[in-house]
Amino acid sequence: MSDDYKKYLQPETVSKLKTIELKAKLIVEGFITGLHKSPYHGFSVEFAEHRQYAAGDELRHLDWRVFARTDKYYVKQYEEETNLRSYILLDTSSSMCYSSGEKVLPKIEYAAYLSAALSVMMLQQRDGIGLVTYGDELQKFIPPRLTPSHQNLILQTLHKASQLVSGTKGLRTNSAKSLSQIAERIQKRGLIIVMSDFLDEPEKIISALKHFRHRRHEVIVFHIVDPKERSFEFDGDAEIVDVETGETMMTSPQQIKSAYRAAFDAFTRRYRSELTESNIDYNLLDTSQPFGDALLAYLKKRNAVK
């Protein structure tokens, strides 16, 4: 298999993330006391794999049989050996393929880099991370894991999703339906991170996001937009194409720019207002800003809030 997916491991960003943590604000169903408050203590009985002993590991988890064979210390690692179950929910509809220029990442690639950085950080702090891709229906569902091989699986899936969106037109979205399906499937309380441009019916999407809160999950939303989707700065007449339906429309951007900007601002204000009221962490990200800078700024702001 090609190693193209490893491009998401940006060394500079990964290095910076080692010095910062994503702390859960709610009590979560975890097993290790540490970064997150937990109502449980101890470990799951479901064995996952071995990992080499590190200073601070409890001696009671050493596997003496492995030591007898290898003369090396290994501890048993369990599936639930995690502070937190986290899921990244990635919108893979065709609208996510948009980019307004060569120097601006397509929204799907921006979301993939952001997702990769978050997954690396979560695994570094011993939190299980899963990945779900969706369009007009649920597509790929990878449950949270903490095993060493899980990072590569996440990165490979992100790469395939980005390739699919970039190379395929007509991938429609039904975010409300898909998000509700995902909410029903995730049984244990955890952290839900949603990456989308939310170009769908706001009322239904907001209701679907609230569904996660009703099930006592913590929710972070990254609303990803292209800079020209905010500014509508286009020269001359333009043909607007809906990449999901194929519909086209000729317009003069200069004539409708003011009205468009007002409508876009109202669109994002509604998301921010209604989600914030439901204790959902809403973040509007512009793809002209380097994803690493955007993520680090968000994490520092979040961790500063008590």
Protein backbone atom coordinates (compact mmCIF):
# COMPACT_ATOMS: atom_id res chain seq x y z
CA MET A 1 0.00 0.00 0.00
CA SER A 2 1.18 3.53 -0.83
CA ASP A 3 2.55 5.65 2.01
CA ASP A 4 0.80 8.78 0.68
CA TYR A 5 -1.37 8.90 3.81
CA LYS A 6 1.72 9.74 5.89
CA LYS A 7 1.66 13.27 4.47
CA TYR A 8 -0.90 14.09 7.16
CA LEU A 9 1.79 13.67 9.83
CA GLN A 10 3.18 17.20 9.59
CA PRO A 11 6.32 17.07 11.82
CA GLU A 12 6.09 20.70 12.95
CA THR A 13 2.45 20.38 14.01
CA VAL A 14 2.93 16.99 15.67
CA SER A 15 5.88 18.37 17.62
CA LYS A 16 3.86 21.33 18.90
CA LEU A 17 0.94 19.09 19.89
CA LYS A 18 3.19 17.16 22.27
CA THR A 19 3.15 20.17 24.57
CA ILE A 20 -0.61 20.62 24.70
CA GLU A 21 -3.58 18.45 25.63
CA LEU A 22 -7.26 18.25 24.71
CA LYS A 23 -9.04 18.02 28.04
CA ALA A 24 -12.58 16.74 28.32
CA LYS A 25 -14.92 19.13 30.11
CA LEU A 26 -17.50 16.52 31.05
CA ILE A 27 -17.23 13.36 33.12
CA VAL A 28 -16.48 10.54 30.70
CA GLU A 29 -16.58 6.79 30.80
CA GLY A 30 -12.88 6.17 31.08
CA PHE A 31 -10.65 3.88 33.04
CA ILE A 32 -7.48 5.84 33.77
CA THR A 33 -7.60 8.81 36.11
CA GLY A 34 -5.56 11.65 34.71
CA LEU A 35 -6.51 14.33 32.22
CA HIS A 36 -10.21 13.56 32.44
CA LYS A 37 -12.57 13.06 35.35
CA SER A 38 -13.82 9.48 35.43
CA PRO A 39 -16.58 7.72 37.37
CA TYR A 40 -14.71 4.42 37.06
CA HIS A 41 -11.49 2.89 38.32
CA GLY A 42 -9.52 -0.16 37.20
CA PHE A 43 -9.22 -1.77 33.80
CA SER A 44 -11.40 -3.60 31.35
CA VAL A 45 -11.04 -7.36 31.16
CA GLU A 46 -10.83 -7.29 27.36
CA PHE A 47 -7.19 -7.83 26.36
CA ALA A 48 -6.00 -5.98 23.24
CA GLU A 49 -2.24 -6.43 22.90
CA HIS A 50 1.15 -6.05 24.57
CA ARG A 51 3.29 -2.95 24.76
CA GLN A 52 6.77 -2.51 26.15
CA TYR A 53 6.99 -1.60 29.83
CA ALA A 54 7.51 2.08 30.60
CA ALA A 55 8.41 3.73 33.87
CA GLY A 56 5.27 4.27 35.92
CA ASP A 57 3.33 1.27 34.60
CA GLU A 58 1.77 -0.88 37.29
CA LEU A 59 3.77 -4.05 37.89
CA ARG A 60 0.59 -6.09 38.25
CA HIS A 61 0.04 -5.75 34.51
CA LEU A 62 3.43 -7.23 33.55
CA ASP A 63 3.16 -10.40 31.49
CA TRP A 64 5.66 -12.75 33.10
CA ARG A 65 5.17 -15.42 30.45
CA VAL A 66 6.35 -13.02 27.77
CA PHE A 67 9.28 -12.05 30.00
CA ALA A 68 10.23 -15.72 30.36
CA ARG A 69 10.34 -16.10 26.56
CA THR A 70 11.96 -12.80 25.59
CA ASP A 71 13.76 -11.57 28.72
CA LYS A 72 11.98 -8.24 28.14
CA TYR A 73 9.25 -6.55 30.13
CA TYR A 74 5.86 -6.12 28.48
CA VAL A 75 2.55 -5.06 29.99
CA LYS A 76 -0.86 -6.22 28.94
CA GLN A 77 -2.83 -3.45 27.27
CA TYR A 78 -6.60 -3.51 27.34
CA GLU A 79 -9.16 -2.22 24.90
CA GLU A 80 -10.62 0.13 27.49
CA GLU A 81 -7.25 1.41 28.71
CA THR A 82 -8.17 4.94 27.81
CA ASN A 83 -9.17 8.20 29.45
CA LEU A 84 -11.75 8.98 26.83
CA ARG A 85 -13.60 7.57 23.82
CA SER A 86 -13.42 10.11 21.02
CA TYR A 87 -14.93 10.08 17.54
CA ILE A 88 -14.08 12.30 14.59
CA LEU A 89 -17.09 12.64 12.29
CA LEU A 90 -16.00 13.72 8.78
CA ASP A 91 -18.37 15.06 6.11
CA THR A 92 -17.45 13.50 2.76
CA SER A 93 -20.07 15.12 0.52
CA SER A 94 -18.96 16.73 -2.74
CA SER A 95 -19.21 20.30 -1.43
CA MET A 96 -16.17 19.50 0.71
CA CYS A 97 -13.98 19.28 -2.41
CA TYR A 98 -14.17 23.03 -3.06
CA SER A 99 -11.06 25.21 -3.14
CA SER A 100 -10.92 28.78 -4.44
CA GLY A 101 -7.28 28.61 -5.51
CA GLU A 102 -4.07 26.61 -5.78
CA LYS A 103 -2.71 28.00 -2.51
CA VAL A 104 -5.85 27.07 -0.57
CA LEU A 105 -6.48 23.48 0.51
CA PRO A 106 -9.80 21.91 -0.49
CA LYS A 107 -12.07 21.75 2.53
CA ILE A 108 -11.84 17.93 2.65
CA GLU A 109 -8.02 18.03 2.72
CA TYR A 110 -8.04 20.73 5.40
CA ALA A 111 -10.42 18.58 7.47
CA ALA A 112 -8.24 15.50 6.90
CA TYR A 113 -5.08 17.27 8.12
CA LEU A 114 -6.97 18.61 11.11
CA SER A 115 -8.42 15.17 11.88
CA ALA A 116 -5.00 13.52 11.59
CA ALA A 117 -3.43 16.02 13.98
CA LEU A 118 -6.22 15.52 16.51
CA SER A 119 -6.01 11.73 16.27
CA VAL A 120 -2.24 11.78 16.85
CA MET A 121 -2.68 14.04 19.85
CA MET A 122 -5.45 11.91 21.36
CA LEU A 123 -3.40 8.73 21.00
CA GLN A 124 -0.38 10.45 22.54
CA GLN A 125 -2.42 11.26 25.64
CA ARG A 126 -3.74 7.68 25.74
CA ASP A 127 -7.26 8.44 24.59
CA GLY A 128 -9.06 6.12 22.21
CA ILE A 129 -9.93 7.76 18.88
CA GLY A 130 -12.37 6.59 16.23
CA LEU A 131 -13.30 7.90 12.78
CA VAL A 132 -16.68 8.05 11.04
CA THR A 133 -17.21 9.30 7.48
CA TYR A 134 -20.64 10.26 6.20
CA GLY A 135 -22.49 11.91 3.32
CA ASP A 136 -26.14 11.21 2.63
CA GLU A 137 -25.68 8.14 4.81
CA LEU A 138 -23.13 6.66 7.19
CA GLN A 139 -20.14 5.35 5.21
CA LYS A 140 -17.16 4.20 7.30
CA PHE A 141 -17.29 3.54 11.04
CA ILE A 142 -14.00 2.88 12.86
CA PRO A 143 -14.51 2.45 16.62
CA PRO A 144 -12.07 4.10 19.06
CA ARG A 145 -8.89 2.14 19.75
CA LEU A 146 -5.62 2.78 21.53
CA THR A 147 -3.45 0.20 19.80
CA PRO A 148 -0.24 1.26 17.96
CA SER A 149 -1.58 0.17 14.55
CA HIS A 150 -4.72 2.27 14.92
CA GLN A 151 -3.03 5.54 13.93
CA ASN A 152 -2.14 4.20 10.49
CA LEU A 153 -5.69 2.92 9.97
CA ILE A 154 -7.08 6.39 10.77
CA LEU A 155 -4.62 8.11 8.41
CA GLN A 156 -5.25 5.64 5.59
CA THR A 157 -9.00 6.12 5.92
CA LEU A 158 -8.64 9.91 5.87
CA HIS A 159 -6.53 9.67 2.70
CA LYS A 160 -9.07 7.42 0.96
CA ALA A 161 -11.93 9.71 1.97
CA SER A 162 -10.12 12.77 0.62
CA GLN A 163 -9.35 11.00 -2.67
CA LEU A 164 -12.97 9.91 -3.02
CA VAL A 165 -14.36 13.40 -2.45
CA SER A 166 -11.78 15.07 -4.70
CA GLY A 167 -12.36 12.62 -7.54
CA THR A 168 -16.12 12.14 -7.42
CA LYS A 169 -18.93 14.56 -8.22
CA GLY A 170 -22.50 14.21 -7.06
CA LEU A 171 -21.77 12.94 -3.54
CA ARG A 172 -24.79 14.38 -1.78
CA THR A 173 -25.20 15.17 1.87
CA ASN A 174 -27.93 14.47 4.37
CA SER A 175 -26.07 15.46 7.49
CA ALA A 176 -29.07 15.38 9.81
CA LYS A 177 -29.95 11.80 8.88
CA SER A 178 -26.35 10.59 9.04
CA LEU A 179 -25.54 12.33 12.33
CA SER A 180 -28.67 10.90 13.94
CA GLN A 181 -27.70 7.40 12.78
CA ILE A 182 -24.23 7.87 14.26
CA ALA A 183 -25.65 9.16 17.56
CA GLU A 184 -27.77 6.02 17.88
CA ARG A 185 -24.78 3.80 17.16
CA ILE A 186 -22.42 5.35 19.74
CA GLN A 187 -23.59 3.91 23.02
CA LYS A 188 -20.98 5.00 25.56
CA ARG A 189 -20.52 8.61 26.50
CA GLY A 190 -17.51 10.35 24.99
CA LEU A 191 -16.22 13.21 22.86
CA ILE A 192 -17.72 13.85 19.41
CA ILE A 193 -15.71 16.04 16.99
CA VAL A 194 -17.59 17.02 13.80
CA MET A 195 -15.82 18.32 10.66
CA SER A 196 -18.11 19.76 7.97
CA ASP A 197 -19.00 22.81 5.88
CA PHE A 198 -22.62 22.31 7.07
CA LEU A 199 -24.06 23.25 3.69
CA ASP A 200 -27.39 21.69 4.48
CA GLU A 201 -30.54 22.70 6.34
CA PRO A 202 -29.30 24.35 9.56
CA GLU A 203 -32.42 23.56 11.58
CA LYS A 204 -32.09 19.81 10.94
CA ILE A 205 -28.32 19.74 11.45
CA ILE A 206 -28.56 21.66 14.73
CA SER A 207 -31.23 19.25 15.93
CA ALA A 208 -29.03 16.27 15.01
CA LEU A 209 -26.03 17.76 16.85
CA LYS A 210 -28.20 18.33 19.91
CA HIS A 211 -29.04 14.62 19.75
CA PHE A 212 -25.45 13.89 20.81
CA ARG A 213 -25.81 16.22 23.79
CA HIS A 214 -29.06 14.55 24.78
CA ARG A 215 -27.09 11.31 24.90
CA ARG A 216 -24.62 13.07 27.23
CA HIS A 217 -21.70 13.29 24.80
CA GLU A 218 -19.41 16.30 24.70
CA VAL A 219 -19.48 17.86 21.21
CA ILE A 220 -16.93 20.00 19.34
CA VAL A 221 -17.88 21.38 15.92
CA PHE A 222 -15.35 22.57 13.33
CA HIS A 223 -17.25 24.50 10.66
CA ILE A 224 -14.83 24.53 7.72
CA VAL A 225 -15.25 27.11 4.96
CA ASP A 226 -13.21 28.42 2.04
CA PRO A 227 -12.25 32.14 2.25
CA LYS A 228 -14.27 33.01 -0.85
CA GLU A 229 -17.30 31.29 0.61
CA ARG A 230 -17.13 34.04 3.22
CA SER A 231 -16.08 37.01 1.08
CA PHE A 232 -17.69 36.15 -2.31
CA GLU A 233 -14.82 38.03 -3.95
CA PHE A 234 -15.03 36.98 -7.61
CA ASP A 235 -14.16 39.02 -10.70
CA GLY A 236 -16.68 39.55 -13.48
CA ASP A 237 -19.68 37.31 -14.10
CA ALA A 238 -19.47 33.85 -12.61
CA GLU A 239 -21.13 30.49 -13.11
CA ILE A 240 -22.07 28.98 -9.76
CA VAL A 241 -22.11 25.16 -9.80
CA ASP A 242 -23.68 22.94 -7.15
CA VAL A 243 -21.20 20.04 -7.11
CA GLU A 244 -23.68 17.79 -5.35
CA THR A 245 -26.62 18.24 -7.78
CA GLY A 246 -24.89 19.58 -10.91
CA GLU A 247 -27.20 22.60 -11.05
CA THR A 248 -25.67 25.82 -12.42
CA MET A 249 -26.52 29.51 -12.21
CA MET A 250 -24.99 32.59 -13.85
CA THR A 251 -24.63 35.62 -11.61
CA SER A 252 -22.73 38.86 -11.11
CA PRO A 253 -20.91 38.50 -7.77
CA GLN A 254 -20.34 42.26 -7.39
CA GLN A 255 -24.09 42.93 -7.49
CA ILE A 256 -25.07 40.35 -4.89
CA LYS A 257 -21.90 40.36 -2.72
CA SER A 258 -23.38 42.50 0.08
CA ALA A 259 -26.55 40.43 0.30
CA TYR A 260 -24.55 37.20 0.15
CA ARG A 261 -22.22 38.27 2.95
CA ALA A 262 -25.16 39.25 5.13
CA ALA A 263 -26.80 35.88 4.48
CA PHE A 264 -23.55 34.01 5.20
CA ASP A 265 -23.01 35.91 8.45
CA ALA A 266 -26.57 35.12 9.53
CA PHE A 267 -25.97 31.47 8.60
CA THR A 268 -22.87 31.14 10.79
CA ARG A 269 -24.35 33.25 13.62
CA ARG A 270 -27.28 30.89 13.84
CA TYR A 271 -24.98 27.89 14.19
CA ARG A 272 -22.83 29.65 16.78
CA SER A 273 -25.77 30.91 18.83
CA GLU A 274 -27.91 27.77 18.91
CA LEU A 275 -25.02 25.35 19.38
CA THR A 276 -23.42 27.44 22.11
CA GLU A 277 -26.75 27.54 23.95
CA SER A 278 -26.68 23.74 23.95
CA ASN A 279 -23.10 23.64 25.30
CA ILE A 280 -21.70 22.57 21.94
CA ASP A 281 -18.26 24.04 21.19
CA TYR A 282 -18.61 25.81 17.81
CA ASN A 283 -15.55 26.86 15.79
CA LEU A 284 -15.58 28.53 12.37
CA LEU A 285 -12.34 27.78 10.49
CA ASP A 286 -11.21 29.40 7.25
CA THR A 287 -9.01 27.23 5.01
CA SER A 288 -6.73 30.17 4.28
CA GLN A 289 -5.39 29.82 7.83
CA PRO A 290 -2.81 27.03 8.28
CA PHE A 291 -4.58 24.11 9.95
CA GLY A 292 -1.84 23.72 12.56
CA ASP A 293 -2.12 27.35 13.66
CA ALA A 294 -5.91 27.11 13.79
CA LEU A 295 -5.82 23.93 15.88
CA LEU A 296 -3.19 25.18 18.33
CA ALA A 297 -5.05 28.48 18.81
CA TYR A 298 -8.27 26.58 19.52
CA LEU A 299 -6.65 24.16 21.98
CA LYS A 300 -4.95 26.95 23.92
CA LYS A 301 -8.23 28.89 24.14
CA ARG A 302 -10.17 25.80 25.18
CA ASN A 303 -7.71 24.77 27.86
CA ALA A 304 -7.62 28.31 29.24
CA VAL A 305 -11.37 28.21 29.90
CA LYS A 306 -12.11 26.83 33.35
